[in-house]
Amino acid sequence: QNQAPGPILRTSTDLIHALQDIDAATKPHTDTYTAYQQAYSPWDDGNATTRVVDALLEDQG
């Protein structure tokens, strides 16, 4: 089962066409991307540095 979070682009031409209208290329894949992110990278939320600093400071006492 294909779980890629976006369109499968097999050639440079496919990539060029997708980039020319990025909104049209990505919009149909929004739900797929969200499901992929939740399954494979749930910690990828933009707060990694905060969590690291909090963990370091917590260890300091």
C-alpha atoms as a PDB file:
ATOM      1  CA  GLN A   1       0.000   0.000   0.000  1.00  0.00           C
ATOM      2  CA  ASN A   2       1.357   3.392  -0.994  1.00  0.00           C
ATOM      3  CA  GLN A   3       1.513   5.800   1.937  1.00  0.00           C
ATOM      4  CA  ALA A   4       3.580   8.552   0.350  1.00  0.00           C
ATOM      5  CA  PRO A   5       2.468  11.969   1.640  1.00  0.00           C
ATOM      6  CA  GLY A   6       2.355  13.553  -1.790  1.00  0.00           C
ATOM      7  CA  PRO A   7       2.354  12.932  -5.492  1.00  0.00           C
ATOM      8  CA  ILE A   8       4.779  10.377  -6.907  1.00  0.00           C
ATOM      9  CA  LEU A   9       6.951  12.224  -9.423  1.00  0.00           C
ATOM     10  CA  ARG A  10       8.936   9.863 -11.603  1.00  0.00           C
ATOM     11  CA  THR A  11      10.558  12.252 -14.071  1.00  0.00           C
ATOM     12  CA  SER A  12      12.033  15.729 -14.125  1.00  0.00           C
ATOM     13  CA  THR A  13       9.117  16.799 -16.298  1.00  0.00           C
ATOM     14  CA  ASP A  14       6.656  15.564 -13.652  1.00  0.00           C
ATOM     15  CA  LEU A  15       8.544  17.596 -11.043  1.00  0.00           C
ATOM     16  CA  ILE A  16       8.558  20.735 -13.187  1.00  0.00           C
ATOM     17  CA  HIS A  17       4.806  20.476 -13.786  1.00  0.00           C
ATOM     18  CA  ALA A  18       4.122  19.923 -10.089  1.00  0.00           C
ATOM     19  CA  LEU A  19       6.260  22.924  -9.120  1.00  0.00           C
ATOM     20  CA  GLN A  20       4.614  25.164 -11.688  1.00  0.00           C
ATOM     21  CA  ASP A  21       1.334  24.829  -9.810  1.00  0.00           C
ATOM     22  CA  ILE A  22       2.382  23.737  -6.347  1.00  0.00           C
ATOM     23  CA  ASP A  23      -1.030  24.394  -4.775  1.00  0.00           C
ATOM     24  CA  ALA A  24      -2.830  22.142  -7.245  1.00  0.00           C
ATOM     25  CA  ALA A  25      -0.136  19.490  -6.860  1.00  0.00           C
ATOM     26  CA  THR A  26      -0.240  19.379  -3.058  1.00  0.00           C
ATOM     27  CA  LYS A  27      -3.818  20.251  -2.097  1.00  0.00           C
ATOM     28  CA  PRO A  28      -5.256  16.786  -2.868  1.00  0.00           C
ATOM     29  CA  HIS A  29      -2.610  15.249  -0.598  1.00  0.00           C
ATOM     30  CA  THR A  30      -3.223  17.318   2.546  1.00  0.00           C
ATOM     31  CA  ASP A  31      -5.083  14.550   4.394  1.00  0.00           C
ATOM     32  CA  THR A  32      -2.529  11.953   3.277  1.00  0.00           C
ATOM     33  CA  TYR A  33       0.336  14.144   4.530  1.00  0.00           C
ATOM     34  CA  THR A  34      -1.371  14.657   7.878  1.00  0.00           C
ATOM     35  CA  ALA A  35      -1.903  10.907   8.314  1.00  0.00           C
ATOM     36  CA  TYR A  36       1.699  10.194   7.259  1.00  0.00           C
ATOM     37  CA  GLN A  37       3.074  12.775   9.691  1.00  0.00           C
ATOM     38  CA  GLN A  38       1.005  11.387  12.566  1.00  0.00           C
ATOM     39  CA  ALA A  39       2.150   7.837  11.798  1.00  0.00           C
ATOM     40  CA  TYR A  40       5.842   8.416  11.062  1.00  0.00           C
ATOM     41  CA  SER A  41       6.903  11.719  12.616  1.00  0.00           C
ATOM     42  CA  PRO A  42       4.551  12.700  15.427  1.00  0.00           C
ATOM     43  CA  TRP A  43       7.286  14.733  17.134  1.00  0.00           C
ATOM     44  CA  ASP A  44       7.888  16.839  13.997  1.00  0.00           C
ATOM     45  CA  ASP A  45       5.809  19.749  15.227  1.00  0.00           C
ATOM     46  CA  GLY A  46       8.302  22.629  15.297  1.00  0.00           C
ATOM     47  CA  ASN A  47       8.931  22.326  19.028  1.00  0.00           C
ATOM     48  CA  ALA A  48      11.965  20.027  19.097  1.00  0.00           C
ATOM     49  CA  THR A  49      14.343  22.691  20.406  1.00  0.00           C
ATOM     50  CA  THR A  50      11.956  23.599  23.193  1.00  0.00           C
ATOM     51  CA  ARG A  51      11.698  19.975  24.275  1.00  0.00           C
ATOM     52  CA  VAL A  52      15.494  19.540  24.229  1.00  0.00           C
ATOM     53  CA  VAL A  53      16.126  22.705  26.261  1.00  0.00           C
ATOM     54  CA  ASP A  54      13.379  21.783  28.724  1.00  0.00           C
ATOM     55  CA  ALA A  55      14.891  18.309  29.158  1.00  0.00           C
ATOM     56  CA  LEU A  56      18.377  19.756  29.676  1.00  0.00           C
ATOM     57  CA  LEU A  57      17.193  22.314  32.206  1.00  0.00           C
ATOM     58  CA  GLU A  58      15.121  19.700  34.005  1.00  0.00           C
ATOM     59  CA  ASP A  59      18.248  17.556  34.390  1.00  0.00           C
ATOM     60  CA  GLN A  60      20.050  20.553  35.902  1.00  0.00           C
ATOM     61  CA  GLY A  61      17.794  20.535  38.887  1.00  0.00           C
END
